[in-house]
């Protein structure tokens, strides 16, 4: 089965200007969560960082937030938690190395 690959060539400067100056799709507005909504999501995250579809549906209805935004919030929160844990681990690991290095420098020299 042949694949149809059509390429549109822009021939003139005016075509280039039209292409780059054409109105693009308007940006979606960002959903601003209230402190109460964040508090409820955080408390649910502490209970279960990977909630079931049913739980996410419940939160979506209760908080009046689209389901997709609930899914993305949990995904972003898990990523934030992972980054925090990695940074905390590295600070402890390298912090101990610095203590050893100071001890080593003072003891052997």
C-alpha atoms as a PDB file:
ATOM      1  CA  UNK A   1       0.000   0.000   0.000  1.00  0.00           C
ATOM      2  CA  UNK A   2       1.688   3.278  -1.091  1.00  0.00           C
ATOM      3  CA  UNK A   3       2.022   6.084   1.414  1.00  0.00           C
ATOM      4  CA  UNK A   4       0.952   9.522   0.235  1.00  0.00           C
ATOM      5  CA  UNK A   5       3.468  12.050   1.535  1.00  0.00           C
ATOM      6  CA  UNK A   6       2.606  15.484   0.308  1.00  0.00           C
ATOM      7  CA  UNK A   7       4.829  18.390   1.116  1.00  0.00           C
ATOM      8  CA  UNK A   8       3.703  21.982   0.835  1.00  0.00           C
ATOM      9  CA  UNK A   9       6.403  24.331  -0.362  1.00  0.00           C
ATOM     10  CA  UNK A  10       6.296  28.000   0.494  1.00  0.00           C
ATOM     11  CA  UNK A  11       7.388  29.956  -2.567  1.00  0.00           C
ATOM     12  CA  UNK A  12       7.236  33.600  -1.629  1.00  0.00           C
ATOM     13  CA  UNK A  13       8.041  35.900   1.239  1.00  0.00           C
ATOM     14  CA  UNK A  14       4.377  36.810   1.571  1.00  0.00           C
ATOM     15  CA  UNK A  15       3.509  33.116   2.017  1.00  0.00           C
ATOM     16  CA  UNK A  16       6.137  32.855   4.741  1.00  0.00           C
ATOM     17  CA  UNK A  17       4.698  35.901   6.534  1.00  0.00           C
ATOM     18  CA  UNK A  18       1.181  34.482   6.257  1.00  0.00           C
ATOM     19  CA  UNK A  19       2.350  31.158   7.671  1.00  0.00           C
ATOM     20  CA  UNK A  20       4.144  32.628  10.686  1.00  0.00           C
ATOM     21  CA  UNK A  21       1.682  35.451  11.376  1.00  0.00           C
ATOM     22  CA  UNK A  22      -1.482  33.391  11.070  1.00  0.00           C
ATOM     23  CA  UNK A  23      -3.499  33.292  14.263  1.00  0.00           C
ATOM     24  CA  UNK A  24      -2.692  30.107  16.100  1.00  0.00           C
ATOM     25  CA  UNK A  25      -5.042  28.271  18.352  1.00  0.00           C
ATOM     26  CA  UNK A  26      -5.668  30.265  21.504  1.00  0.00           C
ATOM     27  CA  UNK A  27      -3.861  28.995  24.580  1.00  0.00           C
ATOM     28  CA  UNK A  28      -5.965  27.027  26.978  1.00  0.00           C
ATOM     29  CA  UNK A  29      -6.496  28.737  30.282  1.00  0.00           C
ATOM     30  CA  UNK A  30      -4.801  27.108  33.229  1.00  0.00           C
ATOM     31  CA  UNK A  31      -7.016  25.568  35.883  1.00  0.00           C
ATOM     32  CA  UNK A  32      -6.394  27.278  39.217  1.00  0.00           C
ATOM     33  CA  UNK A  33      -7.142  24.988  42.152  1.00  0.00           C
ATOM     34  CA  UNK A  34      -8.373  26.405  45.428  1.00  0.00           C
ATOM     35  CA  UNK A  35      -6.494  25.702  48.656  1.00  0.00           C
ATOM     36  CA  UNK A  36      -9.393  23.475  49.749  1.00  0.00           C
ATOM     37  CA  UNK A  37      -9.190  21.418  46.543  1.00  0.00           C
ATOM     38  CA  UNK A  38      -5.416  21.054  46.918  1.00  0.00           C
ATOM     39  CA  UNK A  39      -5.826  20.010  50.537  1.00  0.00           C
ATOM     40  CA  UNK A  40      -8.306  17.279  49.585  1.00  0.00           C
ATOM     41  CA  UNK A  41      -6.083  16.050  46.749  1.00  0.00           C
ATOM     42  CA  UNK A  42      -3.018  16.031  49.035  1.00  0.00           C
ATOM     43  CA  UNK A  43      -4.825  14.065  51.742  1.00  0.00           C
ATOM     44  CA  UNK A  44      -5.930  11.512  49.145  1.00  0.00           C
ATOM     45  CA  UNK A  45      -2.372  11.339  47.783  1.00  0.00           C
ATOM     46  CA  UNK A  46      -1.078  10.489  51.272  1.00  0.00           C
ATOM     47  CA  UNK A  47      -3.535   7.591  51.413  1.00  0.00           C
ATOM     48  CA  UNK A  48      -2.884   6.346  47.869  1.00  0.00           C
ATOM     49  CA  UNK A  49      -0.523   7.906  45.330  1.00  0.00           C
ATOM     50  CA  UNK A  50      -2.005   5.691  42.578  1.00  0.00           C
ATOM     51  CA  UNK A  51      -5.781   5.982  43.097  1.00  0.00           C
ATOM     52  CA  UNK A  52      -8.204   3.819  41.174  1.00  0.00           C
ATOM     53  CA  UNK A  53     -10.263   5.157  38.305  1.00  0.00           C
ATOM     54  CA  UNK A  54     -13.301   5.078  40.582  1.00  0.00           C
ATOM     55  CA  UNK A  55     -11.533   7.215  43.210  1.00  0.00           C
ATOM     56  CA  UNK A  56     -10.411   9.722  40.585  1.00  0.00           C
ATOM     57  CA  UNK A  57     -13.977   9.906  39.244  1.00  0.00           C
ATOM     58  CA  UNK A  58     -15.258  10.511  42.760  1.00  0.00           C
ATOM     59  CA  UNK A  59     -12.720  13.313  43.318  1.00  0.00           C
ATOM     60  CA  UNK A  60     -13.547  14.801  39.937  1.00  0.00           C
ATOM     61  CA  UNK A  61     -17.241  15.005  40.811  1.00  0.00           C
ATOM     62  CA  UNK A  62     -16.703  16.111  44.407  1.00  0.00           C
ATOM     63  CA  UNK A  63     -14.232  18.876  43.545  1.00  0.00           C
ATOM     64  CA  UNK A  64     -15.856  19.850  40.236  1.00  0.00           C
ATOM     65  CA  UNK A  65     -12.568  19.334  38.367  1.00  0.00           C
ATOM     66  CA  UNK A  66     -12.360  17.493  35.021  1.00  0.00           C
ATOM     67  CA  UNK A  67     -11.172  13.899  35.355  1.00  0.00           C
ATOM     68  CA  UNK A  68      -8.196  14.559  33.068  1.00  0.00           C
ATOM     69  CA  UNK A  69      -6.995  17.315  35.418  1.00  0.00           C
ATOM     70  CA  UNK A  70      -7.283  14.947  38.386  1.00  0.00           C
ATOM     71  CA  UNK A  71      -5.206  12.358  36.519  1.00  0.00           C
ATOM     72  CA  UNK A  72      -2.569  14.934  35.609  1.00  0.00           C
ATOM     73  CA  UNK A  73      -2.483  16.307  39.166  1.00  0.00           C
ATOM     74  CA  UNK A  74      -1.687  12.845  40.587  1.00  0.00           C
ATOM     75  CA  UNK A  75       0.890  12.231  37.848  1.00  0.00           C
ATOM     76  CA  UNK A  76       2.619  15.552  38.576  1.00  0.00           C
ATOM     77  CA  UNK A  77       2.433  14.983  42.329  1.00  0.00           C
ATOM     78  CA  UNK A  78       4.094  11.557  41.994  1.00  0.00           C
ATOM     79  CA  UNK A  79       6.879  13.147  39.917  1.00  0.00           C
ATOM     80  CA  UNK A  80       7.329  15.858  42.558  1.00  0.00           C
ATOM     81  CA  UNK A  81       7.475  13.236  45.305  1.00  0.00           C
ATOM     82  CA  UNK A  82      10.047  11.193  43.374  1.00  0.00           C
ATOM     83  CA  UNK A  83      12.247  14.256  42.796  1.00  0.00           C
ATOM     84  CA  UNK A  84      12.031  15.173  46.472  1.00  0.00           C
ATOM     85  CA  UNK A  85      13.007  11.648  47.547  1.00  0.00           C
ATOM     86  CA  UNK A  86      15.939  11.565  45.093  1.00  0.00           C
ATOM     87  CA  UNK A  87      17.207  14.965  46.242  1.00  0.00           C
ATOM     88  CA  UNK A  88      16.821  13.980  49.891  1.00  0.00           C
ATOM     89  CA  UNK A  89      18.729  10.739  49.288  1.00  0.00           C
ATOM     90  CA  UNK A  90      21.540  12.536  47.448  1.00  0.00           C
ATOM     91  CA  UNK A  91      21.859  15.235  50.100  1.00  0.00           C
ATOM     92  CA  UNK A  92      22.243  12.574  52.799  1.00  0.00           C
ATOM     93  CA  UNK A  93      24.651  10.543  50.707  1.00  0.00           C
ATOM     94  CA  UNK A  94      26.876  13.460  49.727  1.00  0.00           C
ATOM     95  CA  UNK A  95      26.510  15.037  53.148  1.00  0.00           C
ATOM     96  CA  UNK A  96      28.044  11.926  54.703  1.00  0.00           C
ATOM     97  CA  UNK A  97      30.839  11.950  52.138  1.00  0.00           C
ATOM     98  CA  UNK A  98      31.678  15.526  53.114  1.00  0.00           C
ATOM     99  CA  UNK A  99      31.883  14.514  56.778  1.00  0.00           C
ATOM    100  CA  UNK A 100      34.173  11.633  55.888  1.00  0.00           C
ATOM    101  CA  UNK A 101      36.285  13.893  53.681  1.00  0.00           C
ATOM    102  CA  UNK A 102      36.770  16.392  56.540  1.00  0.00           C
ATOM    103  CA  UNK A 103      37.665  13.573  58.918  1.00  0.00           C
ATOM    104  CA  UNK A 104      40.035  12.049  56.359  1.00  0.00           C
ATOM    105  CA  UNK A 105      41.795  15.381  55.700  1.00  0.00           C
ATOM    106  CA  UNK A 106      42.289  16.108  59.407  1.00  0.00           C
ATOM    107  CA  UNK A 107      43.327  12.603  60.384  1.00  0.00           C
ATOM    108  CA  UNK A 108      45.800  11.732  57.666  1.00  0.00           C
ATOM    109  CA  UNK A 109      47.511  15.082  57.034  1.00  0.00           C
END
